[in-house]
Protein backbone atom coordinates (compact mmCIF):
# COMPACT_ATOMS: atom_id res chain seq x y z
CA MET A 1 -8.63 16.21 37.00
CA HIS A 2 -9.29 12.51 37.02
CA LYS A 3 -6.94 10.40 34.96
CA TYR A 4 -8.10 7.26 33.32
CA LEU A 5 -6.30 4.27 32.02
CA ILE A 6 -8.28 3.07 29.05
CA ILE A 7 -8.12 -0.16 27.18
CA ILE A 8 -8.35 0.32 23.46
CA ILE A 9 -9.37 -2.62 21.35
CA THR A 10 -8.70 -1.79 17.72
CA SER A 11 -9.71 -3.76 14.67
CA SER A 12 -6.68 -4.67 12.62
CA LEU A 13 -6.50 -2.94 9.27
CA SER A 14 -4.50 -5.80 7.86
CA ILE A 15 -5.81 -7.77 4.95
CA ALA A 16 -2.74 -9.90 4.34
CA ALA A 17 -3.69 -12.76 6.63
CA ASP A 18 -0.22 -14.28 6.96
CA TYR A 19 1.41 -11.11 8.36
CA ALA A 20 -1.51 -9.25 9.90
CA GLY A 21 0.06 -9.10 13.34
CA TYR A 22 3.21 -7.27 12.30
CA SER A 23 3.82 -3.53 12.30
CA GLY A 24 3.01 -1.41 9.27
CA SER A 25 0.26 -3.68 7.99
CA PHE A 26 -1.60 -0.76 6.39
CA LEU A 27 1.29 -0.41 3.90
CA ARG A 28 0.80 -4.03 2.81
CA MET A 29 -2.90 -3.69 2.01
CA GLY A 30 -2.43 -2.53 -1.56
CA THR A 31 -3.42 0.68 -3.29
CA SER A 32 -5.13 0.73 -6.66
CA ALA A 33 -8.22 -1.26 -7.61
CA ARG A 34 -6.39 -2.55 -10.69
CA SER A 35 -3.52 -4.03 -8.70
CA LEU A 36 -5.81 -5.58 -6.06
CA ALA A 37 -8.07 -7.11 -8.72
CA MET A 38 -4.99 -8.83 -10.19
CA GLY A 39 -3.73 -10.24 -6.89
CA SER A 40 -1.39 -7.30 -6.03
CA GLY A 41 1.58 -8.92 -7.81
CA PHE A 42 2.67 -5.60 -9.31
CA THR A 43 6.40 -5.58 -8.50
CA ALA A 44 7.19 -5.38 -12.23
CA GLU A 45 4.15 -3.34 -13.31
CA ILE A 46 3.98 0.39 -14.06
CA ASP A 47 0.61 0.99 -12.40
CA GLN A 48 -1.54 3.97 -13.34
CA GLY A 49 -0.92 6.57 -10.65
CA PHE A 50 0.57 4.29 -7.97
CA SER A 51 3.63 2.89 -9.73
CA ALA A 52 6.11 3.97 -7.02
CA TYR A 53 4.17 2.10 -4.31
CA HIS A 54 4.77 -1.23 -6.06
CA ASN A 55 8.31 -0.44 -7.18
CA PRO A 56 9.96 3.01 -7.10
CA ALA A 57 12.12 2.12 -10.13
CA SER A 58 9.01 2.18 -12.33
CA VAL A 59 8.77 5.99 -12.03
CA ALA A 60 11.78 6.31 -14.34
CA PHE A 61 9.73 4.84 -17.21
CA LEU A 62 6.83 7.30 -17.01
CA ASN A 63 6.20 9.38 -20.11
CA LYS A 64 3.38 11.55 -18.65
CA ARG A 65 2.42 13.09 -15.34
CA GLN A 66 0.04 10.91 -13.33
CA LEU A 67 -2.49 11.81 -10.64
CA ALA A 68 -4.50 9.14 -8.79
CA PHE A 69 -6.93 8.67 -5.89
CA SER A 70 -8.00 5.38 -4.34
CA HIS A 71 -10.60 4.52 -1.70
CA HIS A 72 -11.17 1.20 0.09
CA ALA A 73 -14.70 0.60 1.37
CA LEU A 74 -14.11 -1.35 4.60
CA ASN A 75 -16.41 -2.51 7.38
CA LEU A 76 -15.83 -2.47 11.16
CA ASP A 77 -15.34 1.33 10.99
CA ARG A 78 -12.01 0.89 9.24
CA ARG A 79 -10.82 3.38 6.62
CA LEU A 80 -8.08 3.39 4.01
CA MET A 81 -7.43 5.92 1.27
CA MET A 82 -4.49 7.16 -0.73
CA SER A 83 -3.48 9.72 -3.33
CA SER A 84 -0.43 10.04 -5.55
CA ILE A 85 1.18 12.31 -8.11
CA SER A 86 4.22 11.44 -10.20
CA THR A 87 6.05 12.80 -13.20
CA SER A 88 8.97 12.09 -15.47
CA ILE A 89 12.11 14.23 -15.22
CA PRO A 90 13.57 14.28 -18.73
CA PRO A 91 15.54 12.70 -20.07
CA THR A 92 15.95 9.63 -17.80
CA ALA A 93 14.49 10.18 -14.31
CA GLY A 94 11.18 10.30 -12.47
CA LEU A 95 9.77 11.75 -9.25
CA GLY A 96 6.67 10.97 -7.20
CA VAL A 97 4.88 11.90 -3.97
CA ALA A 98 2.12 9.81 -2.36
CA TRP A 99 0.05 9.77 0.82
CA VAL A 100 -1.49 6.65 2.42
CA SER A 101 -3.91 7.12 5.32
CA SER A 102 -5.67 4.48 7.41
CA GLY A 103 -7.42 4.19 10.73
CA VAL A 104 -10.27 2.89 12.87
CA ASP A 105 -13.07 5.16 14.08
CA ASN A 106 -15.82 4.93 16.71
CA ILE A 107 -13.74 3.22 19.42
CA GLN A 108 -15.51 3.44 22.77
CA GLY A 109 -13.09 4.63 25.47
CA ARG A 110 -13.53 3.33 29.01
CA SER A 111 -12.02 4.00 32.41
CA THR A 112 -10.48 1.30 34.62
CA SER A 113 -13.87 0.87 36.28
CA GLY A 114 -15.52 0.20 32.93
CA LYS A 115 -17.26 3.56 32.68
CA GLU A 116 -17.68 4.90 29.16
CA THR A 117 -15.61 8.01 28.50
CA GLU A 118 -15.50 9.27 24.91
CA ILE A 119 -15.46 8.06 21.32
CA LEU A 120 -11.89 7.65 20.08
CA SER A 121 -10.11 6.92 16.83
CA THR A 122 -6.70 5.72 15.74
CA SER A 123 -4.76 6.52 12.57
CA GLU A 124 -1.67 5.57 10.59
CA ASP A 125 -0.25 7.74 7.82
CA ALA A 126 2.67 7.49 5.43
CA ILE A 127 4.10 10.00 2.98
CA PHE A 128 6.14 8.52 0.13
CA ILE A 129 8.80 10.54 -1.71
CA SER A 130 10.01 8.57 -4.73
CA PHE A 131 12.90 9.06 -7.12
CA ALA A 132 14.10 6.81 -9.94
CA GLN A 133 16.84 6.95 -12.54
CA ARG A 134 17.31 4.96 -15.74
CA ILE A 135 20.86 3.62 -15.80
CA THR A 136 20.41 2.30 -19.34
CA PRO A 137 17.37 2.55 -21.66
CA TRP A 138 16.14 -0.78 -20.26
CA LEU A 139 17.32 -0.72 -16.61
CA ALA A 140 16.19 1.60 -13.78
CA LEU A 141 16.92 1.99 -10.07
CA GLY A 142 14.53 3.71 -7.65
CA ILE A 143 14.05 4.54 -3.98
CA ASN A 144 11.09 5.44 -1.76
CA VAL A 145 11.66 7.48 1.39
CA LYS A 146 8.71 7.08 3.78
CA ILE A 147 7.73 9.40 6.62
CA LEU A 148 5.44 7.59 9.07
CA SER A 149 3.01 8.58 11.81
CA HIS A 150 0.83 6.44 14.10
CA GLN A 151 -1.68 8.05 16.49
CA LEU A 152 -3.15 6.07 19.40
CA PRO A 153 -5.89 7.78 21.42
CA MET A 154 -5.94 8.43 25.15
CA ASN A 155 -8.79 10.07 27.01
CA GLU A 156 -6.89 13.32 27.42
CA SER A 157 -4.10 13.09 24.86
CA GLN A 158 -2.69 11.23 21.87
CA LEU A 159 0.19 8.79 22.03
CA ALA A 160 2.17 9.27 18.82
CA GLY A 161 4.65 7.01 17.10
CA LYS A 162 6.93 8.53 14.46
CA GLY A 163 9.24 6.84 12.02
CA THR A 164 10.92 6.59 8.66
CA GLY A 165 11.54 3.81 6.18
CA PHE A 166 12.87 2.96 2.74
CA ASP A 167 12.05 0.88 -0.33
CA ILE A 168 14.60 0.07 -3.04
CA GLY A 169 13.67 -1.28 -6.45
CA PHE A 170 15.13 -2.35 -9.79
CA MET A 171 13.24 -2.77 -13.07
CA VAL A 172 14.34 -4.32 -16.36
CA LEU A 173 12.48 -3.92 -19.68
CA PRO A 174 14.21 -6.29 -22.11
CA GLU A 175 11.39 -5.93 -24.65
CA GLU A 176 8.03 -4.21 -25.02
CA LYS A 177 5.85 -7.09 -23.76
CA LEU A 178 8.10 -8.38 -20.99
CA ARG A 179 9.36 -6.93 -17.68
CA PHE A 180 11.35 -8.16 -14.68
CA ALA A 181 11.79 -6.40 -11.35
CA PHE A 182 13.15 -6.76 -7.84
CA MET A 183 12.14 -4.77 -4.78
CA ILE A 184 13.07 -4.54 -1.11
CA GLN A 185 10.10 -3.14 0.81
CA ASP A 186 10.33 -1.59 4.30
CA LEU A 187 14.09 -1.63 4.65
CA ASN A 188 15.02 -0.32 8.12
CA THR A 189 11.44 0.88 8.62
CA ASN A 190 10.09 1.42 12.13
CA TYR A 191 8.04 3.48 14.55
CA GLN A 192 9.58 5.04 17.65
CA TRP A 193 7.33 5.45 20.68
CA ASN A 194 7.92 7.48 23.82
CA THR A 195 5.76 5.86 26.50
CA GLY A 196 6.68 8.61 28.94
CA GLN A 197 3.68 10.46 27.48
CA VAL A 198 1.45 7.83 29.11
CA PHE A 199 3.40 6.91 32.26
CA GLU A 200 4.30 10.47 33.32
CA GLY A 201 7.99 10.36 32.59
CA GLU A 202 8.50 6.78 33.76
CA GLY A 203 8.24 5.29 30.27
CA ARG A 204 10.94 4.66 27.72
CA ILE A 205 11.73 4.98 24.03
CA TYR A 206 10.54 1.88 22.19
CA LYS A 207 11.30 0.94 18.58
CA GLU A 208 8.67 -1.04 16.65
CA SER A 209 10.24 -2.50 13.49
CA PHE A 210 8.37 -3.46 10.31
CA PRO A 211 9.09 -6.78 8.58
CA THR A 212 11.11 -6.48 5.38
CA MET A 213 9.87 -7.99 2.11
CA TYR A 214 12.08 -9.10 -0.78
CA ARG A 215 10.11 -9.52 -4.01
CA LEU A 216 10.90 -10.70 -7.53
CA GLY A 217 8.25 -10.05 -10.18
CA THR A 218 7.46 -10.23 -13.87
CA THR A 219 4.82 -9.18 -16.38
CA PHE A 220 4.14 -10.43 -19.91
CA THR A 221 1.48 -10.30 -22.59
CA PHE A 222 -0.03 -13.24 -24.44
CA GLN A 223 -2.49 -12.27 -27.15
CA ARG A 224 -5.17 -10.17 -25.38
CA ILE A 225 -4.29 -11.25 -21.83
CA TYR A 226 -1.82 -9.36 -19.65
CA PHE A 227 -0.24 -11.42 -16.84
CA VAL A 228 1.43 -10.18 -13.64
CA GLY A 229 2.99 -12.00 -10.73
CA ASP A 230 5.63 -11.97 -8.04
CA ILE A 231 7.12 -14.14 -5.33
CA GLY A 232 8.61 -12.88 -2.11
CA VAL A 233 10.32 -13.61 1.18
CA VAL A 234 9.19 -11.88 4.38
CA ALA A 235 11.73 -11.49 7.17
CA ASN A 236 12.37 -9.57 10.37
CA GLN A 237 15.71 -8.86 12.02
CA ASP A 238 16.08 -12.42 13.31
CA ASP A 239 14.03 -14.84 11.22
CA ILE A 240 12.46 -15.57 7.87
CA LEU A 241 8.73 -15.30 8.50
CA GLY A 242 7.49 -16.89 5.30
CA MET A 243 7.00 -16.59 1.56
CA THR A 244 4.37 -14.94 -0.62
CA MET A 245 3.06 -15.64 -4.12
CA ARG A 246 0.74 -13.27 -5.96
CA PHE A 247 -0.52 -13.48 -9.53
CA GLY A 248 -3.31 -12.31 -11.79
CA GLY A 249 -4.40 -11.37 -15.26
CA GLU A 250 -6.19 -8.68 -17.25
CA TYR A 251 -8.26 -9.38 -20.36
CA HIS A 252 -8.81 -6.61 -22.90
CA ILE A 253 -12.46 -6.85 -23.90
CA SER A 254 -11.88 -3.89 -26.20
CA GLU A 255 -9.53 -0.94 -26.37
CA ASN A 256 -11.19 0.78 -23.40
CA TYR A 257 -12.74 -2.03 -21.31
CA PHE A 258 -10.97 -4.58 -19.11
CA ILE A 259 -11.84 -7.44 -16.76
CA ARG A 260 -9.42 -8.79 -14.17
CA GLY A 261 -8.85 -11.56 -11.68
CA GLY A 262 -6.14 -12.67 -9.31
CA PHE A 263 -4.99 -14.32 -6.11
CA GLY A 264 -2.63 -12.91 -3.51
CA ASN A 265 -2.20 -12.57 0.25
CA SER A 266 -4.59 -15.53 0.75
CA ARG A 267 -7.40 -13.72 -1.06
CA PHE A 268 -9.22 -14.06 -4.36
CA SER A 269 -10.15 -10.89 -6.21
CA LEU A 270 -12.03 -9.69 -9.28
CA GLY A 271 -12.38 -6.36 -11.00
CA ALA A 272 -13.03 -4.27 -14.06
CA GLY A 273 -11.65 -1.11 -15.61
CA LEU A 274 -12.57 1.67 -17.99
CA ASN A 275 -10.21 3.91 -19.95
CA PHE A 276 -11.99 7.08 -21.10
CA THR A 277 -11.42 10.62 -22.35
CA PHE A 278 -11.47 13.44 -19.78
CA LEU A 279 -9.41 16.30 -21.23
CA ASN A 280 -7.38 14.47 -23.82
CA LEU A 281 -7.90 11.19 -25.65
CA ASN A 282 -7.95 8.20 -23.25
CA ASP A 283 -6.27 10.18 -20.47
CA ALA A 284 -8.46 8.92 -17.57
CA PHE A 285 -9.02 5.59 -15.83
CA PHE A 286 -11.71 4.29 -13.49
CA ASP A 287 -11.09 0.92 -11.86
CA TYR A 288 -13.06 -1.25 -9.45
CA ALA A 289 -12.04 -4.33 -7.46
CA VAL A 290 -13.77 -6.64 -5.02
CA VAL A 291 -11.53 -8.60 -2.66
CA ILE A 292 -12.79 -11.57 -0.63
CA GLU A 293 -11.49 -11.74 2.95
CA PRO A 294 -12.20 -15.31 4.15
CA HIS A 295 -9.65 -15.27 6.99
CA SER A 296 -9.91 -11.70 8.30
CA VAL A 297 -11.79 -10.41 11.32
CA SER A 298 -14.47 -9.04 9.00
CA GLN A 299 -14.88 -12.19 6.87
CA GLY A 300 -16.47 -10.17 4.11
CA MET A 301 -15.64 -8.30 0.94
CA ILE A 302 -13.65 -5.15 0.32
CA HIS A 303 -14.66 -2.81 -2.48
CA VAL A 304 -11.92 -0.61 -3.95
CA PHE A 305 -12.38 2.36 -6.30
CA THR A 306 -9.56 4.15 -8.11
CA TYR A 307 -9.49 7.22 -10.34
CA ALA A 308 -6.30 7.98 -12.31
CA PHE A 309 -5.44 10.70 -14.82
CA ASN A 310 -2.55 11.28 -17.23
CA PHE A 311 -1.70 14.83 -18.21
């Protein structure tokens, strides 16, 4: 059987322009349409359905079970989707499970001579297991444990990277209309690759580490406008890579209709939301966001749709 060495050129899934070249970029793309429309500065927000993604400590403040699905409409054959379920554990704890899946399809494989072989695809997946505990009525601590998988295609096999990672978060609710939070994202998070699968036993074990993000965030309400924001430091094992600032707002047009805007990760975004009745009064949410990507490889717009339910 002929063996081919193929060159795979994949389109980066990263949206965050400043840190697109670092590992684990699909986990920094954001989840819900509501958060993306408001600049993604949700470190201190209890997001509908995806609260643990932004800060695992927020799960301790849930008062209902939450189920959510989100889909990102991307070009260049990229895909990103996620789902989440979370619940309170009376009297003072919370638990959540989420799945984030991304990838690039329709990659043309080629041999070393340039001959077309087969259509390939690549994927990255993460499973989040979240737990949070209220230490006092206004202070909570939470943790995400992440199980990671990265599949790279070969003509006759798949090269797989496996890994684990952690997020740690704190959240403070001093009063009803004000929150503060701190989160460490991707602490000791990495992929491990065994290149012996490609080089017939002559490879080695390689560790690919994710950058770690340290974020401080707040939320507050002023009249009919809800503000969110956070600042952060991004670092790897040796250096500080940079800082981030994300902020946005949500205006309540009426009890059930919202418009939103924000800026974060070098992108402007807009969106709208609807709170409606599915099984019980105002138990369902549909949100939409459009994110402008001026510095990405696609130089276009991303459309994000999220459905969330409380039960």
